[in-house]
Amino acid sequence: MKANVGRIDRIARLAVGAAMIGLGVWALGCIAAVIFWVVGGVLFLTGLTGLCLLYALFHIDTSGRTRPSAPRSHGARPA
């Protein structure tokens, strides 16, 4: 699969993911800590890899890459 997460999106995911993992350390309940770690870990990993499976499922691409279009002929017809 190809990367579908853009630069700003990746930076935000890394920052929020790291913050959530850190907050999981100080979470008051075991369930809350696990939720923070799992969600933070997923965000952090998608930020590292540049690949988000939910984005792929919904055909979202924030990477800024465009698909190459088919070459067009400019009125010239083959003989």
C-alpha atoms as a PDB file:
ATOM      1  CA  MET A   1       0.000   0.000   0.000  1.00  0.00           C
ATOM      2  CA  LYS A   2       1.121   3.527  -0.669  1.00  0.00           C
ATOM      3  CA  ALA A   3       1.325   6.350   1.851  1.00  0.00           C
ATOM      4  CA  ASN A   4      -1.882   8.360   2.050  1.00  0.00           C
ATOM      5  CA  VAL A   5      -1.130  10.683   4.978  1.00  0.00           C
ATOM      6  CA  GLY A   6       0.322  14.116   4.239  1.00  0.00           C
ATOM      7  CA  ARG A   7       3.142  15.953   5.996  1.00  0.00           C
ATOM      8  CA  ILE A   8       1.024  18.160   8.284  1.00  0.00           C
ATOM      9  CA  ASP A   9      -1.305  15.242   9.026  1.00  0.00           C
ATOM     10  CA  ARG A  10       1.689  13.073   9.952  1.00  0.00           C
ATOM     11  CA  ILE A  11       3.152  15.697  12.279  1.00  0.00           C
ATOM     12  CA  ALA A  12      -0.205  16.141  14.004  1.00  0.00           C
ATOM     13  CA  ARG A  13      -0.637  12.380  14.398  1.00  0.00           C
ATOM     14  CA  LEU A  14       2.851  12.005  15.862  1.00  0.00           C
ATOM     15  CA  ALA A  15       2.299  14.838  18.347  1.00  0.00           C
ATOM     16  CA  VAL A  16      -1.201  13.795  19.426  1.00  0.00           C
ATOM     17  CA  GLY A  17      -0.227  10.125  19.536  1.00  0.00           C
ATOM     18  CA  ALA A  18       2.795  10.811  21.725  1.00  0.00           C
ATOM     19  CA  ALA A  19       0.700  13.028  24.006  1.00  0.00           C
ATOM     20  CA  MET A  20      -1.973  10.344  24.368  1.00  0.00           C
ATOM     21  CA  ILE A  21       0.614   7.675  25.138  1.00  0.00           C
ATOM     22  CA  GLY A  22       2.086   9.999  27.765  1.00  0.00           C
ATOM     23  CA  LEU A  23      -1.343  10.737  29.236  1.00  0.00           C
ATOM     24  CA  GLY A  24      -1.969   7.012  29.462  1.00  0.00           C
ATOM     25  CA  VAL A  25       0.841   6.813  32.006  1.00  0.00           C
ATOM     26  CA  TRP A  26      -1.030   9.197  34.322  1.00  0.00           C
ATOM     27  CA  ALA A  27      -4.555   7.966  33.577  1.00  0.00           C
ATOM     28  CA  LEU A  28      -6.487   7.238  36.752  1.00  0.00           C
ATOM     29  CA  GLY A  29      -8.060   3.990  35.613  1.00  0.00           C
ATOM     30  CA  CYS A  30      -6.679   0.887  33.995  1.00  0.00           C
ATOM     31  CA  ILE A  31      -9.277   0.991  31.208  1.00  0.00           C
ATOM     32  CA  ALA A  32      -8.596   4.668  30.519  1.00  0.00           C
ATOM     33  CA  ALA A  33      -4.853   4.004  30.362  1.00  0.00           C
ATOM     34  CA  VAL A  34      -5.324   1.178  27.859  1.00  0.00           C
ATOM     35  CA  ILE A  35      -7.611   3.337  25.703  1.00  0.00           C
ATOM     36  CA  PHE A  36      -5.065   6.186  25.697  1.00  0.00           C
ATOM     37  CA  TRP A  37      -2.234   3.789  24.844  1.00  0.00           C
ATOM     38  CA  VAL A  38      -4.095   2.040  22.026  1.00  0.00           C
ATOM     39  CA  VAL A  39      -5.460   5.192  20.376  1.00  0.00           C
ATOM     40  CA  GLY A  40      -2.172   7.033  20.903  1.00  0.00           C
ATOM     41  CA  GLY A  41      -0.209   4.089  19.537  1.00  0.00           C
ATOM     42  CA  VAL A  42      -2.357   3.857  16.418  1.00  0.00           C
ATOM     43  CA  LEU A  43      -2.021   7.587  15.777  1.00  0.00           C
ATOM     44  CA  PHE A  44       1.723   7.475  16.368  1.00  0.00           C
ATOM     45  CA  LEU A  45       2.231   4.477  14.057  1.00  0.00           C
ATOM     46  CA  THR A  46       0.143   6.004  11.267  1.00  0.00           C
ATOM     47  CA  GLY A  47       2.211   9.157  11.652  1.00  0.00           C
ATOM     48  CA  LEU A  48       5.438   7.176  11.377  1.00  0.00           C
ATOM     49  CA  THR A  49       4.399   5.058   8.404  1.00  0.00           C
ATOM     50  CA  GLY A  50       2.301   7.627   6.532  1.00  0.00           C
ATOM     51  CA  LEU A  51      -0.357   4.967   5.965  1.00  0.00           C
ATOM     52  CA  CYS A  52      -3.838   5.124   7.458  1.00  0.00           C
ATOM     53  CA  LEU A  53      -6.063   2.128   6.760  1.00  0.00           C
ATOM     54  CA  LEU A  54      -9.249   4.132   7.420  1.00  0.00           C
ATOM     55  CA  TYR A  55      -8.112   6.694   4.846  1.00  0.00           C
ATOM     56  CA  ALA A  56      -7.522   3.841   2.389  1.00  0.00           C
ATOM     57  CA  LEU A  57     -10.972   2.395   3.112  1.00  0.00           C
ATOM     58  CA  PHE A  58     -12.668   5.727   2.360  1.00  0.00           C
ATOM     59  CA  HIS A  59     -10.288   6.689  -0.505  1.00  0.00           C
ATOM     60  CA  ILE A  60      -8.911   9.719   1.355  1.00  0.00           C
ATOM     61  CA  ASP A  61      -5.425  10.939   0.481  1.00  0.00           C
ATOM     62  CA  THR A  62      -3.879  13.934   2.243  1.00  0.00           C
ATOM     63  CA  SER A  63      -0.386  13.245   0.922  1.00  0.00           C
ATOM     64  CA  GLY A  64      -0.773  15.758  -1.903  1.00  0.00           C
ATOM     65  CA  ARG A  65       0.184  13.237  -4.553  1.00  0.00           C
ATOM     66  CA  THR A  66      -1.898  13.305  -7.679  1.00  0.00           C
ATOM     67  CA  ARG A  67      -2.532  10.446 -10.008  1.00  0.00           C
ATOM     68  CA  PRO A  68      -0.827  10.825 -13.341  1.00  0.00           C
ATOM     69  CA  SER A  69      -3.334  11.503 -16.042  1.00  0.00           C
ATOM     70  CA  ALA A  70      -3.326   9.751 -19.376  1.00  0.00           C
ATOM     71  CA  PRO A  71      -1.340  11.586 -22.025  1.00  0.00           C
ATOM     72  CA  ARG A  72      -3.526  13.616 -24.348  1.00  0.00           C
ATOM     73  CA  SER A  73      -2.994  14.063 -28.010  1.00  0.00           C
ATOM     74  CA  HIS A  74      -3.176  17.638 -29.165  1.00  0.00           C
ATOM     75  CA  GLY A  75      -5.263  17.157 -32.248  1.00  0.00           C
ATOM     76  CA  ALA A  76      -2.733  14.990 -34.043  1.00  0.00           C
ATOM     77  CA  ARG A  77      -4.245  11.801 -35.342  1.00  0.00           C
ATOM     78  CA  PRO A  78      -2.208   8.736 -36.203  1.00  0.00           C
ATOM     79  CA  ALA A  79      -1.977   8.023 -39.926  1.00  0.00           C
END
